Amino acid sequence: MGWILPFTVKRRITTNFYRGVVFVMSDVLTKIEIITRPTKFDELRQALAKIGVSGITVTNALGCGFQKGFTELYRGKKKEVDMHERIKVEIVVCEVPVQQVVDTARSVLNTGKPGDGKIFIHELADAIKIRTGDTGCAALN
C-alpha cells in the first residue's frame, strides 16, 4: 500500500520508574485505536490474526461525524437519528509493525464511502501485567 505513517516508530531504550524500581524497556509500545462499522468486525479480526495480532479490546460505541443523520419511523413517530453505531477496536503492539496493522485495517475497512472510520495511533509509556508484574512487551504476552 502506498500510505505511510507521518512519523517513524523507532525502537529505543527507555527507563520507567514504578514503586522505586527501574524497569528498562527496549521496545516501543504503540496503541492503535480503530473506530469503524460493526459489520466489518469479523473480517477485521481475521485479518489482524493473520498478521500476528492476538490481543484486542472491542467496545460498542455511538458516533457522529461528517455523515448526515437520517430520519426513521419509530412507533409511528419520526425520529432524527444523528448518532451511528460503531465499534472501537483497541490494539497494543510491540512486535507487530504499526504500519502493517494500519495497512491491514485500511485494506479491510475501506469501502470508499463516508463512515469507514478512523485510526488513531498513540505511543504508550509502559504496560504492566497485573498478575505477574511483567512490564513492556513482556506484559503483552
N, C-alpha and C. Protein backbone atom coordinates (compact mmCIF):
# COMPACT_ATOMS: atom_id res chain seq x y z
N MET A 1 0.85 -1.17 0.00
CA MET A 1 0.00 0.00 0.00
C MET A 1 0.90 1.24 0.00
N GLY A 2 0.42 2.29 -0.60
CA GLY A 2 1.21 3.49 -0.72
C GLY A 2 1.14 4.43 0.45
N TRP A 3 0.33 4.11 1.45
CA TRP A 3 0.15 5.03 2.57
C TRP A 3 1.25 4.82 3.58
N ILE A 4 1.86 5.91 4.07
CA ILE A 4 2.96 5.83 5.04
C ILE A 4 2.62 6.67 6.24
N LEU A 5 2.97 6.17 7.42
CA LEU A 5 2.74 6.93 8.64
C LEU A 5 3.52 8.24 8.59
N PRO A 6 2.95 9.32 9.13
CA PRO A 6 3.64 10.61 9.09
C PRO A 6 4.79 10.72 10.09
N PHE A 7 5.05 9.66 10.81
CA PHE A 7 6.17 9.65 11.76
C PHE A 7 6.77 8.27 11.74
N THR A 8 7.97 8.14 12.25
CA THR A 8 8.64 6.86 12.29
C THR A 8 8.63 6.34 13.71
N VAL A 9 8.17 5.10 13.88
CA VAL A 9 8.20 4.48 15.19
C VAL A 9 9.55 3.79 15.31
N LYS A 10 10.38 4.27 16.20
CA LYS A 10 11.73 3.74 16.36
C LYS A 10 11.82 2.93 17.64
N ARG A 11 12.64 1.92 17.60
CA ARG A 11 12.91 1.16 18.82
C ARG A 11 13.93 1.96 19.63
N ARG A 12 13.71 2.02 20.91
CA ARG A 12 14.62 2.77 21.75
C ARG A 12 14.62 2.16 23.14
N ILE A 13 15.60 2.53 23.91
CA ILE A 13 15.67 2.06 25.29
C ILE A 13 15.22 3.20 26.19
N THR A 14 14.25 2.91 27.04
CA THR A 14 13.77 3.91 27.98
C THR A 14 13.76 3.29 29.37
N THR A 15 13.79 4.13 30.36
CA THR A 15 13.68 3.63 31.73
C THR A 15 12.41 4.19 32.34
N ASN A 16 11.70 3.35 33.05
CA ASN A 16 10.50 3.76 33.74
C ASN A 16 10.65 3.44 35.22
N PHE A 17 10.11 4.28 36.05
CA PHE A 17 10.18 4.08 37.49
C PHE A 17 8.81 3.71 38.00
N TYR A 18 8.72 2.62 38.74
CA TYR A 18 7.47 2.18 39.32
C TYR A 18 7.77 1.65 40.72
N ARG A 19 7.27 2.35 41.71
CA ARG A 19 7.49 1.97 43.11
C ARG A 19 8.97 1.84 43.45
N GLY A 20 9.76 2.77 42.96
CA GLY A 20 11.17 2.79 43.31
C GLY A 20 12.03 1.82 42.53
N VAL A 21 11.46 1.06 41.60
CA VAL A 21 12.22 0.10 40.81
C VAL A 21 12.35 0.64 39.39
N VAL A 22 13.53 0.48 38.81
CA VAL A 22 13.76 0.94 37.45
C VAL A 22 13.51 -0.22 36.50
N PHE A 23 12.62 -0.01 35.53
CA PHE A 23 12.36 -1.01 34.50
C PHE A 23 12.95 -0.49 33.20
N VAL A 24 13.69 -1.33 32.50
CA VAL A 24 14.27 -0.94 31.23
C VAL A 24 13.44 -1.57 30.12
N MET A 25 12.94 -0.71 29.22
CA MET A 25 12.16 -1.18 28.08
C MET A 25 13.01 -1.02 26.83
N SER A 26 13.10 -2.06 26.03
CA SER A 26 13.91 -1.96 24.82
C SER A 26 13.05 -1.74 23.58
N ASP A 27 11.74 -1.78 23.71
CA ASP A 27 10.86 -1.61 22.57
C ASP A 27 9.77 -0.60 22.89
N VAL A 28 9.24 -0.02 21.85
CA VAL A 28 8.18 0.96 22.00
C VAL A 28 6.83 0.26 21.93
N LEU A 29 5.97 0.58 22.87
CA LEU A 29 4.60 0.07 22.86
C LEU A 29 3.74 1.10 22.14
N THR A 30 2.92 0.63 21.24
CA THR A 30 2.05 1.53 20.47
C THR A 30 0.62 1.05 20.57
N LYS A 31 -0.28 1.99 20.87
CA LYS A 31 -1.71 1.67 20.93
C LYS A 31 -2.36 2.18 19.65
N ILE A 32 -3.11 1.31 19.00
CA ILE A 32 -3.82 1.65 17.78
C ILE A 32 -5.31 1.54 18.08
N GLU A 33 -6.04 2.63 17.88
CA GLU A 33 -7.50 2.62 18.06
C GLU A 33 -8.14 2.73 16.69
N ILE A 34 -9.05 1.81 16.41
CA ILE A 34 -9.77 1.81 15.14
C ILE A 34 -11.25 1.96 15.46
N ILE A 35 -11.86 3.00 14.90
CA ILE A 35 -13.30 3.20 15.08
C ILE A 35 -13.95 2.99 13.73
N THR A 36 -14.87 2.02 13.65
CA THR A 36 -15.45 1.67 12.36
C THR A 36 -16.84 1.06 12.52
N ARG A 37 -17.40 0.61 11.42
CA ARG A 37 -18.72 -0.03 11.42
C ARG A 37 -18.65 -1.40 12.09
N PRO A 38 -19.68 -1.78 12.85
CA PRO A 38 -19.67 -3.10 13.49
C PRO A 38 -19.76 -4.25 12.50
N THR A 39 -20.29 -4.01 11.31
CA THR A 39 -20.45 -5.09 10.33
C THR A 39 -19.12 -5.60 9.80
N LYS A 40 -18.07 -4.83 9.95
CA LYS A 40 -16.75 -5.21 9.44
C LYS A 40 -15.87 -5.90 10.48
N PHE A 41 -16.39 -6.10 11.70
CA PHE A 41 -15.53 -6.59 12.78
C PHE A 41 -14.95 -7.97 12.52
N ASP A 42 -15.78 -8.94 12.12
CA ASP A 42 -15.27 -10.30 11.92
C ASP A 42 -14.17 -10.35 10.87
N GLU A 43 -14.37 -9.63 9.79
CA GLU A 43 -13.36 -9.58 8.73
C GLU A 43 -12.07 -8.93 9.24
N LEU A 44 -12.20 -7.86 10.02
CA LEU A 44 -11.03 -7.19 10.59
C LEU A 44 -10.29 -8.10 11.55
N ARG A 45 -11.02 -8.78 12.42
CA ARG A 45 -10.39 -9.67 13.40
C ARG A 45 -9.60 -10.79 12.72
N GLN A 46 -10.17 -11.37 11.67
CA GLN A 46 -9.47 -12.44 10.95
C GLN A 46 -8.20 -11.91 10.27
N ALA A 47 -8.29 -10.74 9.68
CA ALA A 47 -7.12 -10.16 9.00
C ALA A 47 -6.02 -9.82 10.00
N LEU A 48 -6.40 -9.29 11.18
CA LEU A 48 -5.40 -8.97 12.20
C LEU A 48 -4.74 -10.24 12.74
N ALA A 49 -5.51 -11.31 12.90
CA ALA A 49 -4.95 -12.58 13.38
C ALA A 49 -3.91 -13.12 12.39
N LYS A 50 -4.13 -12.92 11.10
CA LYS A 50 -3.20 -13.41 10.09
C LYS A 50 -1.83 -12.73 10.17
N ILE A 51 -1.80 -11.48 10.65
CA ILE A 51 -0.51 -10.77 10.74
C ILE A 51 0.10 -10.88 12.14
N GLY A 52 -0.54 -11.64 13.04
CA GLY A 52 0.05 -11.88 14.35
C GLY A 52 -0.50 -11.06 15.49
N VAL A 53 -1.57 -10.30 15.26
CA VAL A 53 -2.19 -9.53 16.35
C VAL A 53 -3.14 -10.47 17.08
N SER A 54 -2.86 -10.74 18.34
CA SER A 54 -3.68 -11.70 19.08
C SER A 54 -4.57 -11.05 20.12
N GLY A 55 -4.14 -9.95 20.70
CA GLY A 55 -4.92 -9.33 21.77
C GLY A 55 -5.59 -8.05 21.31
N ILE A 56 -6.92 -8.02 21.41
CA ILE A 56 -7.65 -6.81 21.05
C ILE A 56 -8.75 -6.58 22.08
N THR A 57 -9.14 -5.33 22.23
CA THR A 57 -10.28 -4.96 23.08
C THR A 57 -11.29 -4.27 22.17
N VAL A 58 -12.56 -4.68 22.29
CA VAL A 58 -13.60 -4.13 21.43
C VAL A 58 -14.69 -3.53 22.31
N THR A 59 -15.12 -2.31 21.97
CA THR A 59 -16.16 -1.60 22.70
C THR A 59 -17.23 -1.14 21.72
N ASN A 60 -18.50 -1.34 22.07
CA ASN A 60 -19.58 -0.78 21.27
C ASN A 60 -19.63 0.72 21.53
N ALA A 61 -19.89 1.49 20.48
CA ALA A 61 -19.90 2.95 20.62
C ALA A 61 -20.95 3.55 19.69
N LEU A 62 -21.27 4.80 19.97
CA LEU A 62 -22.09 5.61 19.08
C LEU A 62 -21.25 6.80 18.66
N GLY A 63 -21.39 7.23 17.42
CA GLY A 63 -20.58 8.35 16.99
C GLY A 63 -21.24 9.13 15.88
N CYS A 64 -20.75 10.34 15.72
CA CYS A 64 -21.21 11.17 14.61
C CYS A 64 -20.01 11.90 14.05
N GLY A 65 -20.11 12.22 12.80
CA GLY A 65 -19.02 12.92 12.15
C GLY A 65 -19.58 13.74 11.02
N PHE A 66 -18.95 13.65 9.87
CA PHE A 66 -19.41 14.41 8.72
C PHE A 66 -20.63 13.78 8.07
N GLN A 67 -20.92 12.53 8.43
CA GLN A 67 -22.11 11.88 7.89
C GLN A 67 -23.35 12.61 8.35
N LYS A 68 -24.27 12.75 7.45
CA LYS A 68 -25.54 13.36 7.81
C LYS A 68 -26.40 12.32 8.52
N GLY A 69 -27.24 12.77 9.43
CA GLY A 69 -28.17 11.88 10.08
C GLY A 69 -29.29 11.49 9.13
N PHE A 70 -30.19 10.67 9.60
CA PHE A 70 -31.33 10.26 8.80
C PHE A 70 -32.55 10.21 9.69
N THR A 71 -33.72 10.18 9.07
CA THR A 71 -34.97 10.13 9.81
C THR A 71 -35.56 8.74 9.66
N GLU A 72 -35.98 8.16 10.77
CA GLU A 72 -36.64 6.86 10.70
C GLU A 72 -37.97 6.93 11.44
N LEU A 73 -38.84 6.01 11.12
CA LEU A 73 -40.14 5.94 11.76
C LEU A 73 -40.04 4.99 12.94
N TYR A 74 -40.31 5.47 14.16
CA TYR A 74 -40.24 4.65 15.36
C TYR A 74 -41.56 4.77 16.11
N ARG A 75 -42.28 3.67 16.18
CA ARG A 75 -43.59 3.63 16.84
C ARG A 75 -44.53 4.71 16.32
N GLY A 76 -44.51 4.88 15.01
CA GLY A 76 -45.42 5.82 14.37
C GLY A 76 -44.97 7.26 14.39
N LYS A 77 -43.82 7.53 14.97
CA LYS A 77 -43.32 8.91 15.04
C LYS A 77 -41.98 9.00 14.31
N LYS A 78 -41.78 10.14 13.67
CA LYS A 78 -40.49 10.36 13.01
C LYS A 78 -39.44 10.70 14.05
N LYS A 79 -38.30 10.06 13.91
CA LYS A 79 -37.21 10.31 14.86
C LYS A 79 -35.94 10.59 14.06
N GLU A 80 -35.24 11.67 14.41
CA GLU A 80 -33.98 12.03 13.76
C GLU A 80 -32.85 11.22 14.40
N VAL A 81 -32.13 10.47 13.58
CA VAL A 81 -31.01 9.67 14.06
C VAL A 81 -29.72 10.32 13.57
N ASP A 82 -28.94 10.87 14.49
CA ASP A 82 -27.68 11.51 14.10
C ASP A 82 -26.46 10.82 14.71
N MET A 83 -26.68 9.79 15.49
CA MET A 83 -25.58 9.00 16.05
C MET A 83 -25.61 7.62 15.39
N HIS A 84 -24.46 7.16 14.94
CA HIS A 84 -24.37 5.90 14.22
C HIS A 84 -23.67 4.86 15.09
N GLU A 85 -24.10 3.60 14.95
CA GLU A 85 -23.44 2.52 15.69
C GLU A 85 -22.03 2.33 15.16
N ARG A 86 -21.10 2.20 16.07
CA ARG A 86 -19.70 2.00 15.74
C ARG A 86 -19.11 1.01 16.74
N ILE A 87 -17.94 0.49 16.40
CA ILE A 87 -17.14 -0.25 17.37
C ILE A 87 -15.79 0.44 17.47
N LYS A 88 -15.20 0.35 18.65
CA LYS A 88 -13.84 0.86 18.85
C LYS A 88 -12.97 -0.35 19.16
N VAL A 89 -12.01 -0.61 18.30
CA VAL A 89 -11.07 -1.72 18.46
C VAL A 89 -9.76 -1.13 18.94
N GLU A 90 -9.29 -1.61 20.10
CA GLU A 90 -8.03 -1.12 20.67
C GLU A 90 -7.00 -2.25 20.62
N ILE A 91 -5.84 -1.93 20.08
CA ILE A 91 -4.76 -2.91 19.92
C ILE A 91 -3.49 -2.28 20.46
N VAL A 92 -2.74 -3.02 21.26
CA VAL A 92 -1.42 -2.56 21.70
C VAL A 92 -0.41 -3.52 21.09
N VAL A 93 0.54 -2.96 20.34
CA VAL A 93 1.53 -3.79 19.67
C VAL A 93 2.93 -3.39 20.09
N CYS A 94 3.81 -4.38 20.01
CA CYS A 94 5.22 -4.16 20.31
C CYS A 94 6.06 -4.82 19.21
N GLU A 95 5.70 -6.05 18.89
CA GLU A 95 6.47 -6.82 17.92
C GLU A 95 5.90 -6.73 16.51
N VAL A 96 4.61 -6.56 16.38
CA VAL A 96 3.99 -6.42 15.06
C VAL A 96 4.16 -4.97 14.61
N PRO A 97 4.69 -4.73 13.42
CA PRO A 97 4.89 -3.35 12.96
C PRO A 97 3.57 -2.57 12.86
N VAL A 98 3.60 -1.33 13.34
CA VAL A 98 2.41 -0.47 13.34
C VAL A 98 1.91 -0.27 11.91
N GLN A 99 2.82 -0.03 10.98
CA GLN A 99 2.43 0.20 9.59
C GLN A 99 1.66 -0.99 9.03
N GLN A 100 2.07 -2.20 9.40
CA GLN A 100 1.39 -3.41 8.92
C GLN A 100 -0.03 -3.49 9.46
N VAL A 101 -0.23 -3.12 10.72
CA VAL A 101 -1.57 -3.12 11.31
C VAL A 101 -2.45 -2.08 10.62
N VAL A 102 -1.91 -0.89 10.40
CA VAL A 102 -2.66 0.18 9.74
C VAL A 102 -3.03 -0.22 8.32
N ASP A 103 -2.08 -0.75 7.56
CA ASP A 103 -2.36 -1.17 6.19
C ASP A 103 -3.41 -2.26 6.13
N THR A 104 -3.32 -3.22 7.05
CA THR A 104 -4.30 -4.31 7.10
C THR A 104 -5.69 -3.78 7.41
N ALA A 105 -5.78 -2.91 8.41
CA ALA A 105 -7.08 -2.34 8.79
C ALA A 105 -7.66 -1.53 7.63
N ARG A 106 -6.86 -0.71 7.00
CA ARG A 106 -7.36 0.10 5.88
C ARG A 106 -7.83 -0.76 4.72
N SER A 107 -7.10 -1.82 4.41
CA SER A 107 -7.50 -2.66 3.28
C SER A 107 -8.81 -3.38 3.55
N VAL A 108 -9.05 -3.76 4.80
CA VAL A 108 -10.29 -4.46 5.16
C VAL A 108 -11.46 -3.49 5.27
N LEU A 109 -11.24 -2.34 5.86
CA LEU A 109 -12.34 -1.43 6.21
C LEU A 109 -12.71 -0.43 5.12
N ASN A 110 -11.85 -0.22 4.15
CA ASN A 110 -12.10 0.81 3.15
C ASN A 110 -13.18 0.38 2.15
N THR A 111 -14.30 1.10 2.15
CA THR A 111 -15.36 0.88 1.16
C THR A 111 -15.44 2.06 0.20
N GLY A 112 -14.74 3.14 0.52
CA GLY A 112 -14.80 4.33 -0.30
C GLY A 112 -16.00 5.22 -0.01
N LYS A 113 -16.76 4.86 1.00
CA LYS A 113 -17.96 5.63 1.36
C LYS A 113 -17.74 6.30 2.70
N PRO A 114 -18.46 7.40 2.97
CA PRO A 114 -18.36 8.03 4.29
C PRO A 114 -18.76 7.04 5.38
N GLY A 115 -18.07 7.12 6.51
CA GLY A 115 -18.37 6.24 7.63
C GLY A 115 -17.47 5.04 7.75
N ASP A 116 -16.43 4.97 6.90
CA ASP A 116 -15.48 3.85 7.00
C ASP A 116 -14.77 3.86 8.34
N GLY A 117 -14.58 5.03 8.94
CA GLY A 117 -13.99 5.10 10.26
C GLY A 117 -12.69 5.87 10.31
N LYS A 118 -12.04 5.76 11.45
CA LYS A 118 -10.79 6.47 11.70
C LYS A 118 -9.83 5.54 12.44
N ILE A 119 -8.53 5.83 12.30
CA ILE A 119 -7.49 5.11 13.02
C ILE A 119 -6.67 6.14 13.78
N PHE A 120 -6.48 5.89 15.07
CA PHE A 120 -5.67 6.77 15.92
C PHE A 120 -4.49 5.96 16.44
N ILE A 121 -3.31 6.58 16.49
CA ILE A 121 -2.09 5.90 16.92
C ILE A 121 -1.47 6.68 18.06
N HIS A 122 -1.19 5.97 19.17
CA HIS A 122 -0.61 6.59 20.37
C HIS A 122 0.61 5.79 20.80
N GLU A 123 1.67 6.49 21.21
CA GLU A 123 2.81 5.82 21.81
C GLU A 123 2.55 5.73 23.31
N LEU A 124 2.75 4.54 23.89
CA LEU A 124 2.50 4.32 25.31
C LEU A 124 3.80 4.37 26.10
N ALA A 125 3.71 4.83 27.33
CA ALA A 125 4.89 4.88 28.20
C ALA A 125 5.25 3.48 28.69
N ASP A 126 4.27 2.68 29.05
CA ASP A 126 4.54 1.36 29.59
C ASP A 126 3.25 0.57 29.69
N ALA A 127 3.39 -0.72 29.92
CA ALA A 127 2.26 -1.60 30.20
C ALA A 127 2.70 -2.52 31.33
N ILE A 128 1.80 -2.83 32.23
CA ILE A 128 2.11 -3.70 33.36
C ILE A 128 1.05 -4.78 33.44
N LYS A 129 1.49 -6.04 33.42
CA LYS A 129 0.55 -7.15 33.59
C LYS A 129 0.28 -7.29 35.08
N ILE A 130 -0.97 -7.17 35.46
CA ILE A 130 -1.34 -7.14 36.88
C ILE A 130 -0.95 -8.43 37.59
N ARG A 131 -1.22 -9.58 36.98
CA ARG A 131 -0.99 -10.86 37.64
C ARG A 131 0.49 -11.12 37.94
N THR A 132 1.38 -10.82 36.98
CA THR A 132 2.78 -11.18 37.15
C THR A 132 3.70 -10.00 37.43
N GLY A 133 3.25 -8.80 37.11
CA GLY A 133 4.11 -7.63 37.26
C GLY A 133 5.02 -7.39 36.07
N ASP A 134 4.89 -8.22 35.01
CA ASP A 134 5.70 -8.02 33.81
C ASP A 134 5.41 -6.64 33.22
N THR A 135 6.44 -6.04 32.63
CA THR A 135 6.27 -4.71 32.04
C THR A 135 6.68 -4.73 30.58
N GLY A 136 6.34 -3.66 29.88
CA GLY A 136 6.73 -3.51 28.49
C GLY A 136 6.13 -4.58 27.60
N CYS A 137 6.93 -5.03 26.65
CA CYS A 137 6.47 -6.04 25.70
C CYS A 137 6.12 -7.35 26.38
N ALA A 138 6.80 -7.66 27.46
CA ALA A 138 6.51 -8.91 28.19
C ALA A 138 5.11 -8.90 28.77
N ALA A 139 4.56 -7.74 29.05
CA ALA A 139 3.20 -7.65 29.60
C ALA A 139 2.15 -8.00 28.57
N LEU A 140 2.49 -7.93 27.30
CA LEU A 140 1.52 -8.23 26.24
C LEU A 140 1.39 -9.71 25.97
N ASN A 141 2.35 -10.49 26.41
CA ASN A 141 2.33 -11.94 26.13
C ASN A 141 1.62 -12.71 27.21
